[in-house]
């Protein structure tokens, strides 16, 4: 009897010991399977002209100033206007706020960059939203980051009497335009990040033979070459119809171009400073994607910069 009890006790002890080992192993495996999110695919909500996948951290406020000067060369550039520095094609002042770590919202105002044919709209106020759907992890459990972005913009300028202009507003809705984007990004290493941005542009009021609805695709990248400096670039191809391009070229002698920007990004503590060159005269996506009319090949590119400063509001003790 004593032998049987000893045997049963030994078996029970062995079973409990194995169960504890299995439970410890399960907890250990569960801990090891935590998927750490990738940090800093890009260092700013913008790459150059286009958006990055980055949202604003919860309760953080980013203040942004963006500036585009005039053409460096070409018919409107050169030494007479100090290679474009005497002119300002567009200015943006805006704020982005982190509602949560995944969801941010922003608003601001841009001067606007009319080109006299494709658009005459100025004095534009915008609001935007950005939501992070997927966050790339270091173990590639999630190999990509995916962020949704949208904005709505309204021109506050006085209407023009030019009936062929997009500023000859007949109703308040004519002043409005919208953007919807899917930003797909991946940080390939500590030095290289890339982003692909399918884009939809809606403009309620456009000149004759222009397009109310446009589709574009953007490509952006960041290449870090020192602790605080990186090369950044982005490009957008707008799928404008051949009929629209031919009409503006033949009837108005006007040609559309795809916006390309290159620049140097400098990180200085709470500031991110970008020094850039781009052929896009406008800053807001609603204008520069469908209406860029200046060409790198003709010297019609400009110097610009952007400065962003992050402020932490309502910071929690655990942050």
Protein backbone atom coordinates (compact mmCIF):
# COMPACT_ATOMS: atom_id res chain seq x y z
CA UNK A 1 0.00 0.00 0.00
CA UNK A 2 2.78 2.35 0.96
CA UNK A 3 4.52 1.45 -2.31
CA UNK A 4 1.37 2.29 -4.29
CA UNK A 5 0.97 5.65 -2.51
CA UNK A 6 4.61 6.47 -3.12
CA UNK A 7 4.21 5.58 -6.79
CA UNK A 8 1.06 7.70 -7.15
CA UNK A 9 2.75 10.63 -5.35
CA UNK A 10 5.79 10.36 -7.61
CA UNK A 11 3.60 10.29 -10.73
CA UNK A 12 1.58 13.29 -9.53
CA UNK A 13 4.77 15.21 -8.70
CA UNK A 14 6.20 14.38 -12.11
CA UNK A 15 2.98 15.48 -13.85
CA UNK A 16 2.83 18.78 -11.91
CA UNK A 17 6.53 19.44 -12.64
CA UNK A 18 5.96 18.84 -16.37
CA UNK A 19 2.88 21.08 -16.32
CA UNK A 20 4.87 23.88 -14.67
CA UNK A 21 7.64 23.48 -17.25
CA UNK A 22 5.08 23.56 -20.09
CA UNK A 23 3.43 26.67 -18.59
CA UNK A 24 6.81 28.39 -18.15
CA UNK A 25 7.69 27.50 -21.72
CA UNK A 26 4.34 28.88 -22.94
CA UNK A 27 4.83 32.16 -21.06
CA UNK A 28 8.41 32.39 -22.32
CA UNK A 29 7.34 31.73 -25.91
CA UNK A 30 4.53 34.28 -25.57
CA UNK A 31 7.00 36.89 -24.33
CA UNK A 32 9.40 36.13 -27.14
CA UNK A 33 6.60 36.54 -29.65
CA UNK A 34 6.01 40.20 -28.76
CA UNK A 35 6.27 42.08 -32.02
CA UNK A 36 8.23 45.28 -31.47
CA UNK A 37 7.10 48.11 -33.81
CA UNK A 38 9.65 49.80 -36.06
CA UNK A 39 10.39 53.37 -34.98
CA UNK A 40 11.20 56.32 -37.24
CA UNK A 41 10.53 55.04 -40.76
CA UNK A 42 10.54 58.75 -41.57
CA UNK A 43 11.32 61.62 -39.19
CA UNK A 44 8.45 63.91 -40.13
CA UNK A 45 4.78 63.68 -41.24
CA UNK A 46 6.08 64.92 -44.66
CA UNK A 47 8.84 63.51 -46.85
CA UNK A 48 9.24 66.56 -49.13
CA UNK A 49 6.09 67.39 -51.06
CA UNK A 50 4.17 64.27 -50.06
CA UNK A 51 3.05 62.72 -46.80
CA UNK A 52 5.01 60.05 -44.94
CA UNK A 53 3.43 57.16 -43.04
CA UNK A 54 4.23 58.77 -39.68
CA UNK A 55 1.47 59.93 -37.35
CA UNK A 56 1.88 62.21 -34.34
CA UNK A 57 2.31 60.58 -30.91
CA UNK A 58 -0.63 60.87 -28.52
CA UNK A 59 -0.94 64.37 -27.02
CA UNK A 60 1.98 65.69 -29.10
CA UNK A 61 1.53 68.86 -31.16
CA UNK A 62 3.66 69.53 -34.24
CA UNK A 63 3.98 73.10 -35.50
CA UNK A 64 5.05 73.32 -39.17
CA UNK A 65 6.26 76.11 -41.43
CA UNK A 66 6.88 75.37 -45.12
CA UNK A 67 8.12 77.79 -47.75
CA UNK A 68 8.67 77.63 -51.51
CA UNK A 69 10.61 80.38 -53.32
CA UNK A 70 10.48 81.32 -57.01
CA UNK A 71 12.17 79.68 -60.01
CA UNK A 72 15.94 79.49 -59.76
CA UNK A 73 16.41 79.71 -63.55
CA UNK A 74 14.23 79.81 -66.66
CA UNK A 75 12.23 82.77 -67.89
CA UNK A 76 11.12 83.76 -64.36
CA UNK A 77 14.43 83.08 -62.60
CA UNK A 78 18.01 84.19 -62.74
CA UNK A 79 20.02 86.93 -61.09
CA UNK A 80 17.31 89.62 -61.45
CA UNK A 81 15.19 88.04 -58.71
CA UNK A 82 18.20 86.59 -56.88
CA UNK A 83 17.58 83.11 -58.32
CA UNK A 84 14.05 83.00 -56.96
CA UNK A 85 14.81 84.16 -53.43
CA UNK A 86 13.06 87.48 -54.04
CA UNK A 87 9.80 85.65 -54.73
CA UNK A 88 7.57 83.37 -52.69
CA UNK A 89 5.47 80.88 -54.63
CA UNK A 90 3.77 79.34 -51.58
CA UNK A 91 3.80 79.38 -47.76
CA UNK A 92 2.16 76.95 -45.31
CA UNK A 93 1.63 77.37 -41.57
CA UNK A 94 -0.04 74.43 -39.85
CA UNK A 95 -0.48 72.22 -36.81
CA UNK A 96 -0.80 68.44 -36.38
CA UNK A 97 -2.07 66.91 -33.12
CA UNK A 98 -1.90 63.31 -31.91
CA UNK A 99 -5.37 62.19 -30.81
CA UNK A 100 -3.87 58.74 -30.22
CA UNK A 101 -0.62 57.06 -31.24
CA UNK A 102 -2.40 55.87 -34.40
CA UNK A 103 -4.64 58.81 -35.20
CA UNK A 104 -3.64 62.43 -35.80
CA UNK A 105 -5.44 65.49 -37.12
CA UNK A 106 -4.23 68.77 -38.53
CA UNK A 107 -5.26 72.15 -39.86
CA UNK A 108 -3.55 75.14 -41.40
CA UNK A 109 -3.44 77.73 -44.14
CA UNK A 110 -1.48 78.01 -47.36
CA UNK A 111 -0.92 81.02 -49.54
CA UNK A 112 -1.71 78.98 -52.67
CA UNK A 113 0.23 78.86 -55.93
CA UNK A 114 -1.92 79.82 -58.95
CA UNK A 115 -0.33 79.23 -62.35
CA UNK A 116 -2.88 81.33 -64.24
CA UNK A 117 -4.25 78.49 -66.37
CA UNK A 118 -4.65 75.21 -64.48
CA UNK A 119 -5.61 76.99 -61.27
CA UNK A 120 -6.13 80.51 -59.93
CA UNK A 121 -7.10 79.54 -56.39
CA UNK A 122 -5.32 81.18 -53.44
CA UNK A 123 -5.77 81.68 -49.68
CA UNK A 124 -6.54 78.04 -48.89
CA UNK A 125 -7.53 76.66 -45.48
CA UNK A 126 -7.29 72.91 -44.92
CA UNK A 127 -8.05 70.22 -42.34
CA UNK A 128 -6.64 66.69 -42.49
CA UNK A 129 -6.72 63.29 -40.81
CA UNK A 130 -4.13 60.52 -40.73
CA UNK A 131 -4.68 57.01 -39.34
CA UNK A 132 -2.09 54.24 -38.99
CA UNK A 133 -3.72 50.91 -39.93
CA UNK A 134 -0.59 48.70 -39.88
CA UNK A 135 2.73 49.25 -38.12
CA UNK A 136 5.81 47.40 -39.39
CA UNK A 137 7.48 45.22 -36.73
CA UNK A 138 11.18 44.51 -36.26
CA UNK A 139 10.68 40.74 -36.68
CA UNK A 140 8.73 41.26 -39.95
CA UNK A 141 5.57 39.75 -38.43
CA UNK A 142 4.05 42.82 -40.10
CA UNK A 143 6.42 43.61 -42.99
CA UNK A 144 4.91 46.98 -43.99
CA UNK A 145 3.39 50.09 -42.47
CA UNK A 146 0.06 51.24 -43.93
CA UNK A 147 -1.42 54.65 -43.19
CA UNK A 148 -4.56 56.36 -44.49
CA UNK A 149 -4.54 60.11 -45.13
CA UNK A 150 -7.23 62.52 -46.21
CA UNK A 151 -7.76 66.26 -46.33
CA UNK A 152 -10.38 68.81 -47.24
CA UNK A 153 -9.43 72.30 -48.44
CA UNK A 154 -11.38 75.45 -49.20
CA UNK A 155 -10.25 78.61 -51.00
CA UNK A 156 -11.23 81.76 -49.07
CA UNK A 157 -10.28 84.23 -51.84
CA UNK A 158 -12.73 86.60 -53.53
CA UNK A 159 -14.21 85.06 -56.66
CA UNK A 160 -12.83 86.12 -60.04
CA UNK A 161 -14.89 87.37 -62.98
CA UNK A 162 -12.98 85.11 -65.39
CA UNK A 163 -15.57 82.51 -66.37
CA UNK A 164 -12.89 80.07 -67.58
CA UNK A 165 -11.06 80.17 -64.22
CA UNK A 166 -11.43 77.66 -61.37
CA UNK A 167 -11.83 80.71 -59.10
CA UNK A 168 -15.06 81.91 -60.78
CA UNK A 169 -17.05 80.35 -57.95
CA UNK A 170 -20.79 79.99 -58.33
CA UNK A 171 -21.36 78.29 -54.95
CA UNK A 172 -19.44 77.52 -51.77
CA UNK A 173 -18.90 73.94 -52.90
CA UNK A 174 -16.91 75.22 -55.90
CA UNK A 175 -14.21 76.37 -53.49
CA UNK A 176 -13.54 72.89 -52.12
CA UNK A 177 -11.12 70.08 -52.98
CA UNK A 178 -10.18 66.79 -51.35
CA UNK A 179 -7.36 64.26 -51.14
CA UNK A 180 -7.43 60.56 -50.21
CA UNK A 181 -4.19 58.57 -49.93
CA UNK A 182 -2.96 55.14 -48.92
CA UNK A 183 0.65 55.36 -47.73
CA UNK A 184 2.51 52.04 -47.88
CA UNK A 185 5.97 52.25 -46.30
CA UNK A 186 8.81 50.00 -45.23
CA UNK A 187 11.99 50.66 -43.28
CA UNK A 188 14.49 48.31 -44.92
CA UNK A 189 17.35 49.18 -42.56
CA UNK A 190 18.51 51.92 -40.20
CA UNK A 191 19.55 53.85 -43.31
CA UNK A 192 16.88 53.20 -45.99
CA UNK A 193 13.11 53.76 -45.97
CA UNK A 194 10.71 53.82 -48.94
CA UNK A 195 7.04 54.76 -49.36
CA UNK A 196 4.45 54.17 -52.10
CA UNK A 197 1.41 56.46 -52.16
CA UNK A 198 -1.64 55.79 -54.35
CA UNK A 199 -3.62 59.05 -54.42
CA UNK A 200 -7.09 60.27 -55.37
CA UNK A 201 -7.70 64.00 -55.93
CA UNK A 202 -11.16 65.55 -56.14
CA UNK A 203 -11.61 69.20 -57.18
CA UNK A 204 -15.19 70.41 -57.32
CA UNK A 205 -14.58 73.20 -59.83
CA UNK A 206 -11.98 73.15 -62.61
CA UNK A 207 -11.36 74.97 -65.92
CA UNK A 208 -12.75 73.61 -69.17
CA UNK A 209 -11.16 70.27 -70.19
CA UNK A 210 -9.49 69.88 -66.82
CA UNK A 211 -10.31 66.88 -64.62
CA UNK A 212 -12.47 66.98 -61.49
CA UNK A 213 -11.22 63.54 -60.46
CA UNK A 214 -7.54 62.57 -60.73
CA UNK A 215 -5.53 59.48 -59.86
CA UNK A 216 -1.82 59.71 -59.04
CA UNK A 217 0.92 57.50 -57.63
CA UNK A 218 3.70 58.77 -55.39
CA UNK A 219 7.09 57.32 -54.49
CA UNK A 220 9.26 58.64 -51.66
CA UNK A 221 12.44 57.65 -49.89
CA UNK A 222 14.86 58.50 -47.10
CA UNK A 223 18.55 57.54 -47.07
CA UNK A 224 20.38 58.33 -43.81
CA UNK A 225 24.11 58.97 -44.13
CA UNK A 226 24.93 60.28 -40.63
CA UNK A 227 23.39 60.25 -37.16
CA UNK A 228 21.25 63.33 -37.78
CA UNK A 229 21.27 63.85 -41.56
CA UNK A 230 19.55 62.09 -44.43
CA UNK A 231 18.85 62.48 -48.15
CA UNK A 232 15.10 62.59 -48.92
CA UNK A 233 13.22 62.57 -52.22
CA UNK A 234 9.70 62.06 -53.58
CA UNK A 235 7.94 62.00 -56.94
CA UNK A 236 4.30 61.96 -58.06
CA UNK A 237 2.96 60.83 -61.42
CA UNK A 238 -0.48 62.22 -62.23
CA UNK A 239 -2.52 60.09 -64.66
CA UNK A 240 -4.03 62.99 -66.60
CA UNK A 241 -5.91 61.99 -69.76
CA UNK A 242 -4.31 62.56 -73.15
CA UNK A 243 -7.32 64.63 -74.26
CA UNK A 244 -6.84 67.02 -71.34
CA UNK A 245 -3.08 67.36 -71.87
CA UNK A 246 -3.47 67.90 -75.62
CA UNK A 247 -6.15 70.56 -75.14
CA UNK A 248 -4.06 72.65 -72.74
CA UNK A 249 -0.94 72.26 -74.86
CA UNK A 250 -2.56 73.03 -78.24
CA UNK A 251 -5.10 75.66 -77.18
CA UNK A 252 -3.25 77.44 -74.38
CA UNK A 253 0.40 76.53 -74.91
CA UNK A 254 0.38 75.13 -71.37
CA UNK A 255 2.06 71.91 -70.25
CA UNK A 256 1.65 69.93 -67.03
CA UNK A 257 4.61 68.28 -65.29
CA UNK A 258 5.02 65.67 -62.58
CA UNK A 259 6.35 67.08 -59.28
CA UNK A 260 9.79 65.90 -58.13
CA UNK A 261 11.52 66.99 -54.92
CA UNK A 262 14.96 66.23 -53.50
CA UNK A 263 16.48 67.52 -50.29
CA UNK A 264 18.55 67.28 -47.15
CA UNK A 265 16.92 66.42 -43.82
CA UNK A 266 18.57 67.61 -40.61
CA UNK A 267 17.36 66.45 -37.19
CA UNK A 268 18.21 68.75 -34.28
CA UNK A 269 16.55 67.53 -31.11
CA UNK A 270 12.89 68.53 -31.22
CA UNK A 271 13.26 70.14 -34.66
CA UNK A 272 13.35 68.52 -38.09
CA UNK A 273 14.65 70.88 -40.78
CA UNK A 274 14.43 70.11 -44.52
CA UNK A 275 16.29 72.03 -47.22
CA UNK A 276 14.80 71.03 -50.56
CA UNK A 277 14.68 71.64 -54.30
CA UNK A 278 11.48 70.94 -56.23
CA UNK A 279 9.67 71.93 -59.41
CA UNK A 280 6.36 72.06 -57.49
CA UNK A 281 5.37 75.67 -56.83
CA UNK A 282 2.49 74.66 -54.53
CA UNK A 283 2.75 72.95 -51.14
CA UNK A 284 -0.72 71.45 -50.67
CA UNK A 285 -1.36 68.10 -52.42
CA UNK A 286 -4.67 69.43 -53.75
CA UNK A 287 -2.68 71.88 -55.91
CA UNK A 288 0.75 70.45 -56.66
CA UNK A 289 -0.36 66.97 -57.79
CA UNK A 290 -2.77 68.06 -60.57
CA UNK A 291 -1.34 71.51 -61.35
CA UNK A 292 2.47 71.50 -61.37
CA UNK A 293 3.40 73.35 -64.57
CA UNK A 294 7.12 74.03 -64.07
CA UNK A 295 9.93 71.79 -65.30
CA UNK A 296 13.32 70.79 -63.94
CA UNK A 297 14.60 70.64 -67.53
CA UNK A 298 13.81 74.33 -68.09
CA UNK A 299 15.41 75.44 -64.83
CA UNK A 300 11.96 76.01 -63.31
CA UNK A 301 12.71 74.52 -59.93
CA UNK A 302 12.98 76.32 -56.63
CA UNK A 303 14.61 76.19 -53.26
CA UNK A 304 12.37 75.60 -50.26
CA UNK A 305 12.46 74.56 -46.66
CA UNK A 306 10.27 73.09 -43.96
CA UNK A 307 10.66 73.30 -40.19
CA UNK A 308 8.67 71.21 -37.73
CA UNK A 309 8.77 71.49 -33.94
CA UNK A 310 7.21 68.95 -31.59
CA UNK A 311 5.58 69.94 -28.29
CA UNK A 312 4.41 67.33 -25.76
CA UNK A 313 1.07 68.26 -24.16
CA UNK A 314 -0.65 66.50 -21.23
CA UNK A 315 2.33 64.15 -20.89
CA UNK A 316 1.54 61.13 -18.73
CA UNK A 317 3.90 59.79 -16.07
CA UNK A 318 4.29 56.50 -17.92
CA UNK A 319 5.20 58.06 -21.29
